[in-house]
Amino acid sequence: MHRQTYQHLKRREAQFLSTTGLSLDCFDGLFLYFEVQWEKYIRRYTIGGKERIRPRRNYKNNVFEDTQTMLVFILYYLKNNCLQESFGMSQPLDTSSESHSFEVSESE
């Protein structure tokens, strides 16, 4: 199954709109805000919401290849309002990754 990354979807405007519910311009505007808030959060807390003890590191096996793809994931999840189990069947992620991604998007 092909992962729906931001880089893949931005070349297909109709599919991007269908996936996220936003035009590219609107997404880009939202992303400017989201990126600042995400970086502020992740510098201070772990993905699980605990106070961070060590500085954050990027790993080769990160769930999302970039922050734009993370936002696409969150918007898709919220737009479709589907059960976590059925959502997991459509994405190549393990259930714990889905839970953490959604929890982070709702915090603060």
N, C-alpha and C. Protein backbone atom coordinates (compact mmCIF):
# COMPACT_ATOMS: atom_id res chain seq x y z
N MET A 1 0.85 -1.18 0.00
CA MET A 1 0.00 0.00 0.00
C MET A 1 0.89 1.24 0.00
N HIS A 2 0.59 2.22 -0.81
CA HIS A 2 1.35 3.45 -0.92
C HIS A 2 0.94 4.41 0.19
N ARG A 3 1.91 4.94 0.92
CA ARG A 3 1.61 5.92 1.97
C ARG A 3 1.25 7.25 1.33
N GLN A 4 0.26 7.89 1.88
CA GLN A 4 -0.18 9.18 1.38
C GLN A 4 0.63 10.28 2.06
N THR A 5 1.78 10.60 1.52
CA THR A 5 2.63 11.64 2.07
C THR A 5 2.22 13.00 1.50
N TYR A 6 2.63 14.05 2.17
CA TYR A 6 2.37 15.39 1.68
C TYR A 6 2.99 15.58 0.29
N GLN A 7 4.23 15.14 0.13
CA GLN A 7 4.92 15.31 -1.15
C GLN A 7 4.16 14.61 -2.28
N HIS A 8 3.59 13.46 -2.01
CA HIS A 8 2.81 12.71 -3.00
C HIS A 8 1.49 13.42 -3.32
N LEU A 9 0.79 13.84 -2.27
CA LEU A 9 -0.55 14.41 -2.45
C LEU A 9 -0.55 15.82 -3.03
N LYS A 10 0.48 16.61 -2.74
CA LYS A 10 0.45 18.02 -3.20
C LYS A 10 0.47 18.14 -4.71
N ARG A 11 0.89 17.08 -5.40
CA ARG A 11 0.89 17.10 -6.87
C ARG A 11 -0.47 16.70 -7.45
N ARG A 12 -1.39 16.31 -6.58
CA ARG A 12 -2.73 15.87 -6.99
C ARG A 12 -3.77 16.66 -6.19
N GLU A 13 -4.09 17.86 -6.66
CA GLU A 13 -4.93 18.79 -5.89
C GLU A 13 -6.29 18.20 -5.50
N ALA A 14 -6.94 17.51 -6.42
CA ALA A 14 -8.26 16.95 -6.10
C ALA A 14 -8.15 15.88 -5.01
N GLN A 15 -7.14 15.04 -5.09
CA GLN A 15 -6.94 14.02 -4.07
C GLN A 15 -6.54 14.65 -2.73
N PHE A 16 -5.74 15.72 -2.80
CA PHE A 16 -5.35 16.42 -1.58
C PHE A 16 -6.59 16.97 -0.87
N LEU A 17 -7.46 17.62 -1.63
CA LEU A 17 -8.70 18.17 -1.08
C LEU A 17 -9.58 17.07 -0.50
N SER A 18 -9.69 15.97 -1.21
CA SER A 18 -10.49 14.85 -0.75
C SER A 18 -9.92 14.23 0.53
N THR A 19 -8.61 14.18 0.64
CA THR A 19 -7.95 13.55 1.79
C THR A 19 -8.01 14.44 3.03
N THR A 20 -7.74 15.73 2.86
CA THR A 20 -7.61 16.62 4.01
C THR A 20 -8.83 17.51 4.24
N GLY A 21 -9.60 17.76 3.19
CA GLY A 21 -10.71 18.70 3.28
C GLY A 21 -10.26 20.14 3.08
N LEU A 22 -8.99 20.34 2.74
CA LEU A 22 -8.44 21.68 2.56
C LEU A 22 -7.77 21.82 1.20
N SER A 23 -7.81 23.05 0.67
CA SER A 23 -7.02 23.33 -0.53
C SER A 23 -5.55 23.41 -0.11
N LEU A 24 -4.66 23.36 -1.08
CA LEU A 24 -3.23 23.47 -0.77
C LEU A 24 -2.91 24.80 -0.10
N ASP A 25 -3.49 25.89 -0.59
CA ASP A 25 -3.23 27.20 0.01
C ASP A 25 -3.69 27.25 1.47
N CYS A 26 -4.86 26.73 1.73
CA CYS A 26 -5.39 26.71 3.09
C CYS A 26 -4.51 25.82 3.98
N PHE A 27 -4.13 24.67 3.46
CA PHE A 27 -3.25 23.77 4.21
C PHE A 27 -1.94 24.46 4.55
N ASP A 28 -1.34 25.13 3.58
CA ASP A 28 -0.07 25.81 3.80
C ASP A 28 -0.19 26.87 4.89
N GLY A 29 -1.31 27.59 4.91
CA GLY A 29 -1.55 28.58 5.96
C GLY A 29 -1.68 27.93 7.33
N LEU A 30 -2.43 26.84 7.40
CA LEU A 30 -2.59 26.11 8.65
C LEU A 30 -1.26 25.51 9.09
N PHE A 31 -0.50 25.02 8.14
CA PHE A 31 0.78 24.38 8.47
C PHE A 31 1.74 25.35 9.14
N LEU A 32 1.75 26.60 8.72
CA LEU A 32 2.65 27.58 9.35
C LEU A 32 2.39 27.66 10.85
N TYR A 33 1.14 27.67 11.24
CA TYR A 33 0.76 27.70 12.65
C TYR A 33 1.08 26.36 13.31
N PHE A 34 0.66 25.27 12.67
CA PHE A 34 0.85 23.94 13.24
C PHE A 34 2.32 23.64 13.51
N GLU A 35 3.19 23.96 12.58
CA GLU A 35 4.61 23.65 12.72
C GLU A 35 5.21 24.34 13.94
N VAL A 36 4.86 25.60 14.15
CA VAL A 36 5.37 26.34 15.31
C VAL A 36 4.88 25.69 16.60
N GLN A 37 3.59 25.37 16.65
CA GLN A 37 3.02 24.77 17.86
C GLN A 37 3.59 23.37 18.11
N TRP A 38 3.73 22.59 17.04
CA TRP A 38 4.28 21.24 17.17
C TRP A 38 5.70 21.29 17.71
N GLU A 39 6.54 22.14 17.15
CA GLU A 39 7.94 22.24 17.59
C GLU A 39 8.02 22.71 19.04
N LYS A 40 7.17 23.63 19.41
CA LYS A 40 7.14 24.12 20.80
C LYS A 40 6.76 22.97 21.74
N TYR A 41 5.77 22.20 21.35
CA TYR A 41 5.31 21.08 22.18
C TYR A 41 6.38 19.98 22.27
N ILE A 42 6.90 19.53 21.15
CA ILE A 42 7.78 18.37 21.12
C ILE A 42 9.14 18.66 21.74
N ARG A 43 9.54 19.92 21.80
CA ARG A 43 10.77 20.27 22.51
C ARG A 43 10.63 20.07 24.01
N ARG A 44 9.42 20.25 24.51
CA ARG A 44 9.19 20.18 25.95
C ARG A 44 8.66 18.83 26.42
N TYR A 45 7.89 18.14 25.57
CA TYR A 45 7.24 16.89 25.97
C TYR A 45 7.59 15.76 25.01
N THR A 46 7.45 14.53 25.50
CA THR A 46 7.61 13.35 24.64
C THR A 46 6.31 13.16 23.86
N ILE A 47 6.33 12.25 22.91
CA ILE A 47 5.13 11.97 22.12
C ILE A 47 4.01 11.44 23.03
N GLY A 48 4.38 10.82 24.14
CA GLY A 48 3.40 10.31 25.10
C GLY A 48 2.88 11.35 26.07
N GLY A 49 3.40 12.60 26.00
CA GLY A 49 2.90 13.67 26.84
C GLY A 49 3.67 13.89 28.13
N LYS A 50 4.75 13.14 28.33
CA LYS A 50 5.56 13.32 29.54
C LYS A 50 6.60 14.40 29.32
N GLU A 51 6.96 15.06 30.42
CA GLU A 51 7.99 16.10 30.38
C GLU A 51 9.28 15.48 29.83
N ARG A 52 9.88 16.13 28.86
CA ARG A 52 11.09 15.62 28.21
C ARG A 52 12.30 15.81 29.12
N ILE A 53 13.11 14.75 29.26
CA ILE A 53 14.32 14.80 30.08
C ILE A 53 15.53 15.10 29.21
N ARG A 54 15.61 14.44 28.05
CA ARG A 54 16.72 14.63 27.12
C ARG A 54 16.24 15.39 25.89
N PRO A 55 17.16 16.03 25.18
CA PRO A 55 16.77 16.69 23.93
C PRO A 55 16.20 15.69 22.92
N ARG A 56 15.28 16.15 22.12
CA ARG A 56 14.66 15.31 21.09
C ARG A 56 15.66 14.99 19.99
N ARG A 57 15.58 13.76 19.47
CA ARG A 57 16.42 13.35 18.34
C ARG A 57 15.52 12.86 17.22
N ASN A 58 15.98 13.04 16.00
CA ASN A 58 15.28 12.49 14.84
C ASN A 58 15.87 11.12 14.54
N TYR A 59 15.00 10.18 14.25
CA TYR A 59 15.41 8.81 13.93
C TYR A 59 15.10 8.50 12.47
N LYS A 60 15.84 7.57 11.91
CA LYS A 60 15.59 7.17 10.51
C LYS A 60 14.23 6.51 10.34
N ASN A 61 13.75 5.86 11.38
CA ASN A 61 12.49 5.12 11.27
C ASN A 61 11.30 5.91 11.84
N ASN A 62 11.35 7.24 11.79
CA ASN A 62 10.21 8.04 12.23
C ASN A 62 8.95 7.60 11.50
N VAL A 63 7.82 7.69 12.17
CA VAL A 63 6.55 7.30 11.56
C VAL A 63 6.22 8.20 10.37
N PHE A 64 6.48 9.50 10.51
CA PHE A 64 6.19 10.46 9.45
C PHE A 64 7.50 10.98 8.88
N GLU A 65 7.57 11.09 7.57
CA GLU A 65 8.81 11.57 6.96
C GLU A 65 9.00 13.06 7.13
N ASP A 66 7.91 13.81 7.36
CA ASP A 66 8.02 15.26 7.60
C ASP A 66 6.77 15.73 8.35
N THR A 67 6.82 16.95 8.84
CA THR A 67 5.71 17.49 9.63
C THR A 67 4.47 17.72 8.79
N GLN A 68 4.63 18.03 7.51
CA GLN A 68 3.47 18.20 6.64
C GLN A 68 2.68 16.90 6.54
N THR A 69 3.38 15.77 6.42
CA THR A 69 2.71 14.48 6.33
C THR A 69 1.98 14.17 7.64
N MET A 70 2.56 14.56 8.76
CA MET A 70 1.89 14.37 10.04
C MET A 70 0.57 15.14 10.06
N LEU A 71 0.59 16.37 9.57
CA LEU A 71 -0.64 17.18 9.54
C LEU A 71 -1.66 16.57 8.57
N VAL A 72 -1.22 16.05 7.44
CA VAL A 72 -2.14 15.36 6.52
C VAL A 72 -2.80 14.20 7.24
N PHE A 73 -2.03 13.42 7.98
CA PHE A 73 -2.54 12.29 8.75
C PHE A 73 -3.61 12.74 9.75
N ILE A 74 -3.32 13.80 10.49
CA ILE A 74 -4.26 14.30 11.50
C ILE A 74 -5.55 14.79 10.84
N LEU A 75 -5.41 15.56 9.76
CA LEU A 75 -6.60 16.08 9.07
C LEU A 75 -7.44 14.97 8.47
N TYR A 76 -6.78 13.97 7.89
CA TYR A 76 -7.51 12.82 7.33
C TYR A 76 -8.29 12.12 8.43
N TYR A 77 -7.63 11.90 9.54
CA TYR A 77 -8.26 11.21 10.66
C TYR A 77 -9.47 12.00 11.16
N LEU A 78 -9.30 13.29 11.35
CA LEU A 78 -10.40 14.12 11.87
C LEU A 78 -11.52 14.28 10.84
N LYS A 79 -11.18 14.42 9.57
CA LYS A 79 -12.18 14.59 8.51
C LYS A 79 -13.08 13.36 8.39
N ASN A 80 -12.47 12.20 8.47
CA ASN A 80 -13.23 10.97 8.27
C ASN A 80 -13.84 10.43 9.54
N ASN A 81 -13.41 10.93 10.69
CA ASN A 81 -14.01 10.57 11.98
C ASN A 81 -14.26 9.06 12.09
N CYS A 82 -13.29 8.29 11.71
CA CYS A 82 -13.48 6.84 11.70
C CYS A 82 -12.95 6.21 12.97
N LEU A 83 -13.38 4.98 13.20
CA LEU A 83 -12.88 4.22 14.34
C LEU A 83 -11.40 3.93 14.16
N GLN A 84 -10.68 3.90 15.26
CA GLN A 84 -9.24 3.68 15.20
C GLN A 84 -8.91 2.34 14.52
N GLU A 85 -9.70 1.32 14.79
CA GLU A 85 -9.43 0.01 14.20
C GLU A 85 -9.56 0.05 12.68
N SER A 86 -10.61 0.70 12.18
CA SER A 86 -10.78 0.74 10.73
C SER A 86 -9.77 1.68 10.09
N PHE A 87 -9.39 2.74 10.80
CA PHE A 87 -8.38 3.64 10.27
C PHE A 87 -7.04 2.90 10.15
N GLY A 88 -6.71 2.10 11.13
CA GLY A 88 -5.47 1.33 11.11
C GLY A 88 -5.39 0.39 9.93
N MET A 89 -6.52 -0.07 9.45
CA MET A 89 -6.53 -0.97 8.31
C MET A 89 -6.17 -0.24 7.02
N SER A 90 -6.35 1.10 7.00
CA SER A 90 -6.09 1.85 5.76
C SER A 90 -4.72 2.52 5.76
N GLN A 91 -3.98 2.44 6.86
CA GLN A 91 -2.67 3.08 6.96
C GLN A 91 -1.63 2.08 7.43
N PRO A 92 -0.43 2.14 6.90
CA PRO A 92 0.62 1.20 7.30
C PRO A 92 1.32 1.64 8.59
N LEU A 93 0.53 1.85 9.67
CA LEU A 93 1.09 2.25 10.96
C LEU A 93 0.60 1.28 12.01
N ASP A 94 1.39 1.11 13.08
CA ASP A 94 0.89 0.27 14.15
C ASP A 94 -0.07 1.09 15.02
N THR A 95 -0.92 0.42 15.78
CA THR A 95 -1.97 1.08 16.55
C THR A 95 -1.41 2.05 17.56
N SER A 96 -0.29 1.74 18.19
CA SER A 96 0.26 2.65 19.19
C SER A 96 0.70 3.96 18.55
N SER A 97 1.20 3.92 17.31
CA SER A 97 1.60 5.15 16.62
C SER A 97 0.39 6.01 16.32
N GLU A 98 -0.71 5.39 15.93
CA GLU A 98 -1.93 6.14 15.64
C GLU A 98 -2.41 6.84 16.90
N SER A 99 -2.43 6.13 18.03
CA SER A 99 -2.91 6.71 19.27
C SER A 99 -2.07 7.90 19.68
N HIS A 100 -0.76 7.75 19.61
CA HIS A 100 0.12 8.85 20.00
C HIS A 100 -0.07 10.05 19.09
N SER A 101 -0.20 9.83 17.82
CA SER A 101 -0.37 10.94 16.88
C SER A 101 -1.64 11.70 17.18
N PHE A 102 -2.71 10.98 17.46
CA PHE A 102 -3.98 11.64 17.71
C PHE A 102 -3.96 12.35 19.06
N GLU A 103 -3.38 11.74 20.10
CA GLU A 103 -3.31 12.36 21.41
C GLU A 103 -2.54 13.67 21.35
N VAL A 104 -1.44 13.70 20.64
CA VAL A 104 -0.63 14.91 20.55
C VAL A 104 -1.41 16.02 19.87
N SER A 105 -2.18 15.68 18.84
CA SER A 105 -2.92 16.71 18.11
C SER A 105 -4.02 17.33 18.96
N GLU A 106 -4.51 16.62 19.98
CA GLU A 106 -5.59 17.15 20.81
C GLU A 106 -5.08 17.86 22.05
N SER A 107 -3.81 17.71 22.41
CA SER A 107 -3.32 18.30 23.65
C SER A 107 -3.05 19.78 23.49
N GLU A 108 -2.98 20.45 24.62
CA GLU A 108 -2.74 21.91 24.77
C GLU A 108 -3.84 22.72 24.27
